[in-house]
Amino acid sequence: MITFEQMRADVAAALDIAPEALGPEDNLYDLGLDSMRLMGLVMEWQEKGAELDFGLLMESQTIGAWWDAVEAGRAGA
């Protein structure tokens, strides 16, 4: 099971920044996240049991929105 802190740490590592520097409303694409990195993150999180839709995350721009998607997946499970 993935936590918000783990998700934030994974995204921060992909962007080569400190997790503390990544706010829930920061635009991840403006910070340099691209579709290939996102695909890798989604696959990693799915292996940990997160129900995520790559297309939905591509449309979203913040880790806060991504976490909402994780929680929605848990509620629907």
PDB file of N, CA and C in Angstrom:
ATOM      1  N   MET A   1       0.842  -1.178   0.000  1.00  0.00           N
ATOM      2  CA  MET A   1       0.000   0.000   0.000  1.00  0.00           C
ATOM      3  C   MET A   1       0.888   1.243   0.000  1.00  0.00           C
ATOM      4  N   ILE A   2       0.559   2.178  -0.812  1.00  0.00           N
ATOM      5  CA  ILE A   2       1.339   3.407  -0.934  1.00  0.00           C
ATOM      6  C   ILE A   2       0.760   4.488  -0.009  1.00  0.00           C
ATOM      7  N   THR A   3       1.642   5.302   0.523  1.00  0.00           N
ATOM      8  CA  THR A   3       1.227   6.434   1.349  1.00  0.00           C
ATOM      9  C   THR A   3       1.501   7.724   0.578  1.00  0.00           C
ATOM     10  N   PHE A   4       0.899   8.809   1.057  1.00  0.00           N
ATOM     11  CA  PHE A   4       1.161  10.102   0.431  1.00  0.00           C
ATOM     12  C   PHE A   4       2.644  10.442   0.518  1.00  0.00           C
ATOM     13  N   GLU A   5       3.245  10.191   1.662  1.00  0.00           N
ATOM     14  CA  GLU A   5       4.664  10.520   1.843  1.00  0.00           C
ATOM     15  C   GLU A   5       5.544   9.704   0.891  1.00  0.00           C
ATOM     16  N   GLN A   6       5.180   8.432   0.661  1.00  0.00           N
ATOM     17  CA  GLN A   6       5.938   7.608  -0.283  1.00  0.00           C
ATOM     18  C   GLN A   6       5.774   8.123  -1.700  1.00  0.00           C
ATOM     19  N   MET A   7       4.539   8.493  -2.056  1.00  0.00           N
ATOM     20  CA  MET A   7       4.291   9.040  -3.385  1.00  0.00           C
ATOM     21  C   MET A   7       5.104  10.320  -3.587  1.00  0.00           C
ATOM     22  N   ARG A   8       5.071  11.186  -2.600  1.00  0.00           N
ATOM     23  CA  ARG A   8       5.817  12.444  -2.694  1.00  0.00           C
ATOM     24  C   ARG A   8       7.313  12.172  -2.808  1.00  0.00           C
ATOM     25  N   ALA A   9       7.833  11.230  -2.033  1.00  0.00           N
ATOM     26  CA  ALA A   9       9.256  10.894  -2.092  1.00  0.00           C
ATOM     27  C   ALA A   9       9.629  10.318  -3.459  1.00  0.00           C
ATOM     28  N   ASP A  10       8.773   9.480  -4.023  1.00  0.00           N
ATOM     29  CA  ASP A  10       9.042   8.885  -5.335  1.00  0.00           C
ATOM     30  C   ASP A  10       9.062   9.950  -6.432  1.00  0.00           C
ATOM     31  N   VAL A  11       8.093  10.864  -6.390  1.00  0.00           N
ATOM     32  CA  VAL A  11       8.041  11.930  -7.391  1.00  0.00           C
ATOM     33  C   VAL A  11       9.248  12.847  -7.230  1.00  0.00           C
ATOM     34  N   ALA A  12       9.560  13.187  -6.003  1.00  0.00           N
ATOM     35  CA  ALA A  12      10.718  14.058  -5.747  1.00  0.00           C
ATOM     36  C   ALA A  12      12.001  13.411  -6.265  1.00  0.00           C
ATOM     37  N   ALA A  13      12.158  12.115  -6.050  1.00  0.00           N
ATOM     38  CA  ALA A  13      13.344  11.414  -6.552  1.00  0.00           C
ATOM     39  C   ALA A  13      13.399  11.455  -8.073  1.00  0.00           C
ATOM     40  N   ALA A  14      12.250  11.287  -8.723  1.00  0.00           N
ATOM     41  CA  ALA A  14      12.197  11.342 -10.191  1.00  0.00           C
ATOM     42  C   ALA A  14      12.575  12.732 -10.702  1.00  0.00           C
ATOM     43  N   LEU A  15      12.271  13.746  -9.897  1.00  0.00           N
ATOM     44  CA  LEU A  15      12.576  15.127 -10.287  1.00  0.00           C
ATOM     45  C   LEU A  15      13.920  15.598  -9.741  1.00  0.00           C
ATOM     46  N   ASP A  16      14.567  14.760  -8.960  1.00  0.00           N
ATOM     47  CA  ASP A  16      15.858  15.082  -8.346  1.00  0.00           C
ATOM     48  C   ASP A  16      15.763  16.323  -7.456  1.00  0.00           C
ATOM     49  N   ILE A  17      14.715  16.340  -6.617  1.00  0.00           N
ATOM     50  CA  ILE A  17      14.551  17.400  -5.633  1.00  0.00           C
ATOM     51  C   ILE A  17      14.237  16.755  -4.282  1.00  0.00           C
ATOM     52  N   ALA A  18      14.357  17.516  -3.222  1.00  0.00           N
ATOM     53  CA  ALA A  18      14.032  17.010  -1.890  1.00  0.00           C
ATOM     54  C   ALA A  18      12.516  16.869  -1.749  1.00  0.00           C
ATOM     55  N   PRO A  19      12.046  15.815  -1.101  1.00  0.00           N
ATOM     56  CA  PRO A  19      10.602  15.655  -0.919  1.00  0.00           C
ATOM     57  C   PRO A  19       9.955  16.860  -0.239  1.00  0.00           C
ATOM     58  N   GLU A  20      10.656  17.464   0.695  1.00  0.00           N
ATOM     59  CA  GLU A  20      10.112  18.613   1.419  1.00  0.00           C
ATOM     60  C   GLU A  20       9.892  19.811   0.489  1.00  0.00           C
ATOM     61  N   ALA A  21      10.583  19.828  -0.635  1.00  0.00           N
ATOM     62  CA  ALA A  21      10.460  20.939  -1.587  1.00  0.00           C
ATOM     63  C   ALA A  21       9.246  20.783  -2.506  1.00  0.00           C
ATOM     64  N   LEU A  22       8.574  19.643  -2.410  1.00  0.00           N
ATOM     65  CA  LEU A  22       7.447  19.342  -3.297  1.00  0.00           C
ATOM     66  C   LEU A  22       6.132  19.506  -2.542  1.00  0.00           C
ATOM     67  N   GLY A  23       5.401  20.560  -2.883  1.00  0.00           N
ATOM     68  CA  GLY A  23       4.112  20.822  -2.253  1.00  0.00           C
ATOM     69  C   GLY A  23       2.982  20.114  -2.969  1.00  0.00           C
ATOM     70  N   PRO A  24       1.859  19.901  -2.283  1.00  0.00           N
ATOM     71  CA  PRO A  24       0.748  19.166  -2.887  1.00  0.00           C
ATOM     72  C   PRO A  24       0.113  19.862  -4.087  1.00  0.00           C
ATOM     73  N   GLU A  25       0.308  21.160  -4.215  1.00  0.00           N
ATOM     74  CA  GLU A  25      -0.300  21.885  -5.335  1.00  0.00           C
ATOM     75  C   GLU A  25       0.733  22.363  -6.363  1.00  0.00           C
ATOM     76  N   ASP A  26       1.983  21.944  -6.224  1.00  0.00           N
ATOM     77  CA  ASP A  26       3.010  22.307  -7.205  1.00  0.00           C
ATOM     78  C   ASP A  26       2.713  21.615  -8.533  1.00  0.00           C
ATOM     79  N   ASN A  27       2.884  22.333  -9.630  1.00  0.00           N
ATOM     80  CA  ASN A  27       2.668  21.761 -10.955  1.00  0.00           C
ATOM     81  C   ASN A  27       3.863  20.863 -11.299  1.00  0.00           C
ATOM     82  N   LEU A  28       3.607  19.566 -11.353  1.00  0.00           N
ATOM     83  CA  LEU A  28       4.688  18.596 -11.562  1.00  0.00           C
ATOM     84  C   LEU A  28       5.304  18.703 -12.946  1.00  0.00           C
ATOM     85  N   TYR A  29       4.512  19.083 -13.919  1.00  0.00           N
ATOM     86  CA  TYR A  29       5.036  19.196 -15.278  1.00  0.00           C
ATOM     87  C   TYR A  29       5.919  20.428 -15.420  1.00  0.00           C
ATOM     88  N   ASP A  30       5.576  21.489 -14.714  1.00  0.00           N
ATOM     89  CA  ASP A  30       6.436  22.666 -14.702  1.00  0.00           C
ATOM     90  C   ASP A  30       7.776  22.366 -14.023  1.00  0.00           C
ATOM     91  N   LEU A  31       7.760  21.408 -13.092  1.00  0.00           N
ATOM     92  CA  LEU A  31       8.988  21.027 -12.384  1.00  0.00           C
ATOM     93  C   LEU A  31       9.845  20.047 -13.189  1.00  0.00           C
ATOM     94  N   GLY A  32       9.330  19.588 -14.331  1.00  0.00           N
ATOM     95  CA  GLY A  32      10.128  18.736 -15.209  1.00  0.00           C
ATOM     96  C   GLY A  32       9.674  17.299 -15.349  1.00  0.00           C
ATOM     97  N   LEU A  33       8.561  16.934 -14.736  1.00  0.00           N
ATOM     98  CA  LEU A  33       8.079  15.562 -14.882  1.00  0.00           C
ATOM     99  C   LEU A  33       7.580  15.359 -16.313  1.00  0.00           C
ATOM    100  N   ASP A  34       7.947  14.240 -16.905  1.00  0.00           N
ATOM    101  CA  ASP A  34       7.486  13.925 -18.260  1.00  0.00           C
ATOM    102  C   ASP A  34       6.738  12.590 -18.254  1.00  0.00           C
ATOM    103  N   SER A  35       6.159  12.248 -19.382  1.00  0.00           N
ATOM    104  CA  SER A  35       5.308  11.060 -19.451  1.00  0.00           C
ATOM    105  C   SER A  35       6.078   9.764 -19.188  1.00  0.00           C
ATOM    106  N   MET A  36       7.326   9.701 -19.578  1.00  0.00           N
ATOM    107  CA  MET A  36       8.105   8.479 -19.341  1.00  0.00           C
ATOM    108  C   MET A  36       8.359   8.271 -17.846  1.00  0.00           C
ATOM    109  N   ARG A  37       8.710   9.325 -17.160  1.00  0.00           N
ATOM    110  CA  ARG A  37       8.911   9.210 -15.708  1.00  0.00           C
ATOM    111  C   ARG A  37       7.597   8.869 -15.018  1.00  0.00           C
ATOM    112  N   LEU A  38       6.524   9.504 -15.468  1.00  0.00           N
ATOM    113  CA  LEU A  38       5.220   9.213 -14.878  1.00  0.00           C
ATOM    114  C   LEU A  38       4.851   7.751 -15.083  1.00  0.00           C
ATOM    115  N   MET A  39       5.080   7.223 -16.262  1.00  0.00           N
ATOM    116  CA  MET A  39       4.757   5.819 -16.528  1.00  0.00           C
ATOM    117  C   MET A  39       5.522   4.902 -15.573  1.00  0.00           C
ATOM    118  N   GLY A  40       6.791   5.192 -15.355  1.00  0.00           N
ATOM    119  CA  GLY A  40       7.585   4.400 -14.416  1.00  0.00           C
ATOM    120  C   GLY A  40       7.029   4.472 -13.005  1.00  0.00           C
ATOM    121  N   LEU A  41       6.628   5.666 -12.588  1.00  0.00           N
ATOM    122  CA  LEU A  41       6.055   5.831 -11.253  1.00  0.00           C
ATOM    123  C   LEU A  41       4.741   5.071 -11.122  1.00  0.00           C
ATOM    124  N   VAL A  42       3.885   5.187 -12.121  1.00  0.00           N
ATOM    125  CA  VAL A  42       2.595   4.499 -12.083  1.00  0.00           C
ATOM    126  C   VAL A  42       2.795   2.990 -11.993  1.00  0.00           C
ATOM    127  N   MET A  43       3.701   2.455 -12.765  1.00  0.00           N
ATOM    128  CA  MET A  43       3.959   1.011 -12.725  1.00  0.00           C
ATOM    129  C   MET A  43       4.463   0.593 -11.349  1.00  0.00           C
ATOM    130  N   GLU A  44       5.349   1.380 -10.769  1.00  0.00           N
ATOM    131  CA  GLU A  44       5.869   1.090  -9.424  1.00  0.00           C
ATOM    132  C   GLU A  44       4.739   1.111  -8.396  1.00  0.00           C
ATOM    133  N   TRP A  45       3.881   2.125  -8.479  1.00  0.00           N
ATOM    134  CA  TRP A  45       2.791   2.241  -7.510  1.00  0.00           C
ATOM    135  C   TRP A  45       1.745   1.147  -7.703  1.00  0.00           C
ATOM    136  N   GLN A  46       1.514   0.743  -8.935  1.00  0.00           N
ATOM    137  CA  GLN A  46       0.565  -0.347  -9.183  1.00  0.00           C
ATOM    138  C   GLN A  46       1.089  -1.651  -8.594  1.00  0.00           C
ATOM    139  N   GLU A  47       2.405  -1.856  -8.657  1.00  0.00           N
ATOM    140  CA  GLU A  47       2.998  -3.043  -8.048  1.00  0.00           C
ATOM    141  C   GLU A  47       2.804  -3.046  -6.533  1.00  0.00           C
ATOM    142  N   LYS A  48       2.665  -1.861  -5.958  1.00  0.00           N
ATOM    143  CA  LYS A  48       2.441  -1.730  -4.515  1.00  0.00           C
ATOM    144  C   LYS A  48       0.954  -1.746  -4.165  1.00  0.00           C
ATOM    145  N   GLY A  49       0.106  -1.964  -5.167  1.00  0.00           N
ATOM    146  CA  GLY A  49      -1.320  -2.125  -4.920  1.00  0.00           C
ATOM    147  C   GLY A  49      -2.192  -0.913  -5.180  1.00  0.00           C
ATOM    148  N   ALA A  50      -1.622   0.178  -5.662  1.00  0.00           N
ATOM    149  CA  ALA A  50      -2.426   1.375  -5.939  1.00  0.00           C
ATOM    150  C   ALA A  50      -3.207   1.185  -7.235  1.00  0.00           C
ATOM    151  N   GLU A  51      -4.462   1.567  -7.206  1.00  0.00           N
ATOM    152  CA  GLU A  51      -5.315   1.528  -8.393  1.00  0.00           C
ATOM    153  C   GLU A  51      -5.241   2.897  -9.054  1.00  0.00           C
ATOM    154  N   LEU A  52      -4.459   3.006 -10.122  1.00  0.00           N
ATOM    155  CA  LEU A  52      -4.248   4.291 -10.773  1.00  0.00           C
ATOM    156  C   LEU A  52      -4.448   4.195 -12.271  1.00  0.00           C
ATOM    157  N   ASP A  53      -4.953   5.255 -12.836  1.00  0.00           N
ATOM    158  CA  ASP A  53      -5.158   5.363 -14.272  1.00  0.00           C
ATOM    159  C   ASP A  53      -4.124   6.338 -14.830  1.00  0.00           C
ATOM    160  N   PHE A  54      -3.239   5.847 -15.679  1.00  0.00           N
ATOM    161  CA  PHE A  54      -2.168   6.680 -16.237  1.00  0.00           C
ATOM    162  C   PHE A  54      -2.745   7.923 -16.919  1.00  0.00           C
ATOM    163  N   GLY A  55      -3.792   7.766 -17.696  1.00  0.00           N
ATOM    164  CA  GLY A  55      -4.389   8.894 -18.410  1.00  0.00           C
ATOM    165  C   GLY A  55      -4.904   9.965 -17.465  1.00  0.00           C
ATOM    166  N   LEU A  56      -5.526   9.544 -16.375  1.00  0.00           N
ATOM    167  CA  LEU A  56      -6.032  10.499 -15.393  1.00  0.00           C
ATOM    168  C   LEU A  56      -4.882  11.269 -14.755  1.00  0.00           C
ATOM    169  N   LEU A  57      -3.802  10.571 -14.426  1.00  0.00           N
ATOM    170  CA  LEU A  57      -2.656  11.250 -13.823  1.00  0.00           C
ATOM    171  C   LEU A  57      -1.983  12.183 -14.826  1.00  0.00           C
ATOM    172  N   MET A  58      -1.966  11.803 -16.089  1.00  0.00           N
ATOM    173  CA  MET A  58      -1.387  12.668 -17.115  1.00  0.00           C
ATOM    174  C   MET A  58      -2.161  13.985 -17.196  1.00  0.00           C
ATOM    175  N   GLU A  59      -3.468  13.919 -17.023  1.00  0.00           N
ATOM    176  CA  GLU A  59      -4.295  15.117 -17.086  1.00  0.00           C
ATOM    177  C   GLU A  59      -4.142  15.984 -15.842  1.00  0.00           C
ATOM    178  N   SER A  60      -3.843  15.354 -14.716  1.00  0.00           N
ATOM    179  CA  SER A  60      -3.674  16.083 -13.458  1.00  0.00           C
ATOM    180  C   SER A  60      -2.281  16.682 -13.424  1.00  0.00           C
ATOM    181  N   GLN A  61      -2.102  17.688 -12.622  1.00  0.00           N
ATOM    182  CA  GLN A  61      -0.812  18.362 -12.618  1.00  0.00           C
ATOM    183  C   GLN A  61      -0.174  18.434 -11.243  1.00  0.00           C
ATOM    184  N   THR A  62      -0.865  17.953 -10.215  1.00  0.00           N
ATOM    185  CA  THR A  62      -0.331  18.076  -8.860  1.00  0.00           C
ATOM    186  C   THR A  62      -0.349  16.738  -8.141  1.00  0.00           C
ATOM    187  N   ILE A  63       0.537  16.610  -7.182  1.00  0.00           N
ATOM    188  CA  ILE A  63       0.563  15.384  -6.387  1.00  0.00           C
ATOM    189  C   ILE A  63      -0.677  15.298  -5.501  1.00  0.00           C
ATOM    190  N   GLY A  64      -1.236  16.450  -5.142  1.00  0.00           N
ATOM    191  CA  GLY A  64      -2.480  16.443  -4.382  1.00  0.00           C
ATOM    192  C   GLY A  64      -3.604  15.789  -5.162  1.00  0.00           C
ATOM    193  N   ALA A  65      -3.713  16.105  -6.434  1.00  0.00           N
ATOM    194  CA  ALA A  65      -4.736  15.496  -7.299  1.00  0.00           C
ATOM    195  C   ALA A  65      -4.457  14.010  -7.484  1.00  0.00           C
ATOM    196  N   TRP A  66      -3.184  13.657  -7.593  1.00  0.00           N
ATOM    197  CA  TRP A  66      -2.843  12.245  -7.726  1.00  0.00           C
ATOM    198  C   TRP A  66      -3.233  11.480  -6.475  1.00  0.00           C
ATOM    199  N   TRP A  67      -2.980  12.070  -5.314  1.00  0.00           N
ATOM    200  CA  TRP A  67      -3.330  11.388  -4.068  1.00  0.00           C
ATOM    201  C   TRP A  67      -4.846  11.223  -3.965  1.00  0.00           C
ATOM    202  N   ASP A  68      -5.595  12.216  -4.425  1.00  0.00           N
ATOM    203  CA  ASP A  68      -7.058  12.081  -4.448  1.00  0.00           C
ATOM    204  C   ASP A  68      -7.458  10.882  -5.292  1.00  0.00           C
ATOM    205  N   ALA A  69      -6.755  10.650  -6.399  1.00  0.00           N
ATOM    206  CA  ALA A  69      -7.048   9.505  -7.261  1.00  0.00           C
ATOM    207  C   ALA A  69      -6.747   8.194  -6.540  1.00  0.00           C
ATOM    208  N   VAL A  70      -5.663   8.156  -5.770  1.00  0.00           N
ATOM    209  CA  VAL A  70      -5.328   6.950  -4.996  1.00  0.00           C
ATOM    210  C   VAL A  70      -6.436   6.669  -3.996  1.00  0.00           C
ATOM    211  N   GLU A  71      -6.859   7.681  -3.280  1.00  0.00           N
ATOM    212  CA  GLU A  71      -7.899   7.504  -2.266  1.00  0.00           C
ATOM    213  C   GLU A  71      -9.230   7.107  -2.906  1.00  0.00           C
ATOM    214  N   ALA A  72      -9.540   7.659  -4.066  1.00  0.00           N
ATOM    215  CA  ALA A  72     -10.764   7.279  -4.773  1.00  0.00           C
ATOM    216  C   ALA A  72     -10.710   5.811  -5.185  1.00  0.00           C
ATOM    217  N   GLY A  73      -9.525   5.360  -5.613  1.00  0.00           N
ATOM    218  CA  GLY A  73      -9.360   3.950  -5.970  1.00  0.00           C
ATOM    219  C   GLY A  73      -9.563   3.039  -4.778  1.00  0.00           C
ATOM    220  N   ARG A  74      -9.097   3.470  -3.618  1.00  0.00           N
ATOM    221  CA  ARG A  74      -9.279   2.676  -2.395  1.00  0.00           C
ATOM    222  C   ARG A  74     -10.748   2.629  -1.993  1.00  0.00           C
ATOM    223  N   ALA A  75     -11.426   3.739  -2.156  1.00  0.00           N
ATOM    224  CA  ALA A  75     -12.847   3.800  -1.775  1.00  0.00           C
ATOM    225  C   ALA A  75     -13.679   2.898  -2.687  1.00  0.00           C
ATOM    226  N   GLY A  76     -13.259   2.789  -3.943  1.00  0.00           N
ATOM    227  CA  GLY A  76     -13.998   1.962  -4.898  1.00  0.00           C
ATOM    228  C   GLY A  76     -13.656   0.491  -4.818  1.00  0.00           C
ATOM    229  N   ALA A  77     -12.596   0.165  -4.085  1.00  0.00           N
ATOM    230  CA  ALA A  77     -12.154  -1.235  -4.007  1.00  0.00           C
ATOM    231  C   ALA A  77     -12.978  -2.033  -3.029  1.00  0.00           C
TER     232      ALA A  77
END
